[in-house]
Amino acid sequence: MILNSIGLDTKKTKELADDLNQLLANFQLYYQNLRGIHWNIKGRAFFDLHVKFEELYTDANLKVDEIAERILTLGATPLHTFADYTKAAKVPVGKNISKDENAVELIVASLRELLKMERAILETSGDANDEGTNSMMSDFITEQEKTVWMMKAWLGETV
């Protein structure tokens, strides 16, 4: 077994970096969706949702940076082109969404996809004894599960 500079198996960190790159690409699309619905939201819930969507895209932007820096820490290169992002896309792409319910449903659908990826990365990072990635995924999952619950409550649904 060959260890990298932070003491992790290079084969396992390569797999983790690949998975994190997929997550990075999908977070970039999620971020762009949030910007779009922030700009285009209309209706009676505008004031509340406009602020909430800004909060969410600011958080997503921070997470994008954290993911990219973790990829670098593992010794790989983060994806950084829109072509790479769209190729790896699993989150739905929202275009011209201005209705409040459609915007919130897009967020929930996107977070479901991100959570699937994060749970898979959490499992892989545990197997690799990669506490840095493990901790990051655990924090992301906790926050996003709460956001899903809140968005579903706003829609009048249960989780």
Protein backbone atom coordinates (compact mmCIF):
# COMPACT_ATOMS: atom_id res chain seq x y z
CA MET A 1 0.00 0.00 0.00
CA ILE A 2 1.34 3.42 -0.99
CA LEU A 3 0.43 6.33 1.27
CA ASN A 4 0.05 9.93 0.18
CA SER A 5 1.43 12.94 2.07
CA ILE A 6 -1.47 12.91 4.58
CA GLY A 7 -1.07 9.20 5.30
CA LEU A 8 -3.95 7.78 3.26
CA ASP A 9 -3.87 4.95 0.71
CA THR A 10 -3.37 6.52 -2.73
CA LYS A 11 -5.75 4.09 -4.45
CA LYS A 12 -8.54 4.89 -2.01
CA THR A 13 -7.93 8.64 -2.20
CA LYS A 14 -8.05 8.50 -6.01
CA GLU A 15 -11.52 6.94 -5.76
CA LEU A 16 -12.57 9.53 -3.19
CA ALA A 17 -11.26 12.39 -5.31
CA ASP A 18 -13.22 11.09 -8.31
CA ASP A 19 -16.39 10.89 -6.22
CA LEU A 20 -15.75 14.34 -4.76
CA ASN A 21 -15.29 15.72 -8.28
CA GLN A 22 -18.70 14.35 -9.21
CA LEU A 23 -20.13 15.99 -6.09
CA LEU A 24 -18.33 19.23 -6.96
CA ALA A 25 -19.83 19.28 -10.44
CA ASN A 26 -23.32 18.67 -9.09
CA PHE A 27 -22.90 21.32 -6.40
CA GLN A 28 -21.94 23.81 -9.12
CA LEU A 29 -25.18 23.03 -10.96
CA TYR A 30 -27.16 23.23 -7.71
CA TYR A 31 -25.53 26.60 -7.02
CA GLN A 32 -26.45 27.88 -10.48
CA ASN A 33 -30.03 26.65 -10.04
CA LEU A 34 -30.23 28.57 -6.78
CA ARG A 35 -28.95 31.74 -8.45
CA GLY A 36 -31.54 31.34 -11.18
CA ILE A 37 -34.49 30.89 -8.86
CA HIS A 38 -33.22 33.72 -6.63
CA TRP A 39 -33.22 36.06 -9.62
CA ASN A 40 -36.48 34.88 -11.15
CA ILE A 41 -38.80 34.13 -8.21
CA LYS A 42 -42.17 35.87 -8.39
CA GLY A 43 -45.35 35.94 -6.36
CA ARG A 44 -46.53 36.56 -2.83
CA ALA A 45 -43.66 34.59 -1.29
CA PHE A 46 -41.04 36.65 -3.16
CA PHE A 47 -39.59 38.52 -0.20
CA ASP A 48 -39.15 35.43 1.97
CA LEU A 49 -37.93 33.12 -0.78
CA HIS A 50 -35.61 35.66 -2.41
CA VAL A 51 -33.72 35.97 0.90
CA LYS A 52 -33.81 32.20 1.56
CA PHE A 53 -32.48 31.37 -1.90
CA GLU A 54 -29.62 33.84 -1.40
CA GLU A 55 -28.80 32.15 1.91
CA LEU A 56 -28.78 28.77 0.17
CA TYR A 57 -26.62 29.83 -2.78
CA THR A 58 -24.13 31.54 -0.47
CA ASP A 59 -23.85 28.30 1.51
CA ALA A 60 -23.56 26.23 -1.69
CA ASN A 61 -20.76 28.49 -2.92
CA LEU A 62 -18.84 27.90 0.30
CA LYS A 63 -19.35 24.15 -0.01
CA VAL A 64 -18.08 24.21 -3.60
CA ASP A 65 -14.84 25.73 -2.33
CA GLU A 66 -14.57 23.21 0.53
CA ILE A 67 -15.07 20.29 -1.85
CA ALA A 68 -12.49 21.61 -4.33
CA GLU A 69 -9.97 22.17 -1.53
CA ARG A 70 -10.55 18.66 -0.20
CA ILE A 71 -9.90 17.24 -3.67
CA LEU A 72 -6.62 19.17 -3.74
CA THR A 73 -5.77 17.94 -0.23
CA LEU A 74 -6.22 14.37 -1.48
CA GLY A 75 -3.72 15.09 -4.27
CA ALA A 76 -6.10 15.42 -7.22
CA THR A 77 -7.32 18.28 -9.42
CA PRO A 78 -10.85 19.63 -9.02
CA LEU A 79 -13.06 19.85 -12.08
CA HIS A 80 -13.36 23.46 -13.14
CA THR A 81 -15.13 23.78 -16.47
CA PHE A 82 -18.83 23.97 -17.22
CA ALA A 83 -18.37 21.16 -19.75
CA ASP A 84 -17.08 18.91 -16.96
CA TYR A 85 -19.91 19.97 -14.67
CA THR A 86 -22.68 19.26 -17.16
CA LYS A 87 -21.13 15.91 -18.10
CA ALA A 88 -21.27 14.80 -14.44
CA ALA A 89 -24.72 16.28 -13.77
CA LYS A 90 -27.26 14.29 -11.82
CA VAL A 91 -29.11 17.14 -10.15
CA PRO A 92 -32.01 18.44 -12.22
CA VAL A 93 -31.37 21.63 -14.15
CA GLY A 94 -33.89 24.37 -13.47
CA LYS A 95 -34.58 26.77 -16.30
CA ASN A 96 -36.92 29.76 -16.14
CA ILE A 97 -38.41 28.75 -12.81
CA SER A 98 -40.30 31.62 -11.22
CA LYS A 99 -43.16 29.88 -9.37
CA ASP A 100 -42.50 29.39 -5.67
CA GLU A 101 -43.57 25.74 -5.43
CA ASN A 102 -41.54 24.74 -8.50
CA ALA A 103 -38.47 26.47 -7.08
CA VAL A 104 -38.75 24.71 -3.72
CA GLU A 105 -39.40 21.36 -5.43
CA LEU A 106 -36.23 21.88 -7.49
CA ILE A 107 -34.24 22.45 -4.30
CA VAL A 108 -35.63 19.29 -2.70
CA ALA A 109 -34.94 17.20 -5.82
CA SER A 110 -31.40 18.59 -6.05
CA LEU A 111 -30.67 17.95 -2.40
CA ARG A 112 -31.91 14.37 -2.72
CA GLU A 113 -29.31 13.75 -5.43
CA LEU A 114 -26.56 15.49 -3.48
CA LEU A 115 -27.41 13.50 -0.36
CA LYS A 116 -27.14 10.22 -2.28
CA MET A 117 -23.66 11.17 -3.47
CA GLU A 118 -22.59 12.39 -0.04
CA ARG A 119 -23.75 9.20 1.68
CA ALA A 120 -21.78 7.11 -0.82
CA ILE A 121 -18.71 9.30 -0.25
CA LEU A 122 -19.21 9.01 3.51
CA GLU A 123 -19.09 5.23 3.23
CA THR A 124 -16.01 5.28 1.01
CA SER A 125 -14.21 7.81 3.21
CA GLY A 126 -14.92 5.65 6.25
CA ASP A 127 -13.38 2.63 4.50
CA ALA A 128 -10.34 4.76 3.58
CA ASN A 129 -9.94 6.03 7.16
CA ASP A 130 -10.26 9.56 5.71
CA GLU A 131 -11.64 11.51 8.65
CA GLY A 132 -11.35 14.86 6.82
CA THR A 133 -13.69 13.85 4.01
CA ASN A 134 -15.85 11.85 6.42
CA SER A 135 -16.36 14.85 8.70
CA MET A 136 -17.13 17.16 5.79
CA MET A 137 -19.73 14.78 4.35
CA SER A 138 -21.31 14.24 7.74
CA ASP A 139 -21.68 18.00 8.24
CA PHE A 140 -23.10 18.49 4.74
CA ILE A 141 -25.62 15.68 5.23
CA THR A 142 -26.83 17.04 8.58
CA GLU A 143 -27.39 20.53 7.15
CA GLN A 144 -29.04 19.34 3.95
CA GLU A 145 -31.40 16.92 5.67
CA LYS A 146 -32.65 19.85 7.76
CA THR A 147 -33.07 21.97 4.62
CA VAL A 148 -35.07 19.19 2.96
CA TRP A 149 -37.30 18.96 6.04
CA MET A 150 -37.85 22.74 6.00
CA MET A 151 -38.56 22.87 2.27
CA LYS A 152 -40.98 19.94 2.53
CA ALA A 153 -42.70 21.69 5.46
CA TRP A 154 -43.01 24.84 3.34
CA LEU A 155 -44.63 22.73 0.62
CA GLY A 156 -47.03 21.32 3.25
CA GLU A 157 -45.54 17.84 2.94
CA THR A 158 -43.80 15.50 5.33
CA VAL A 159 -40.29 14.16 4.74
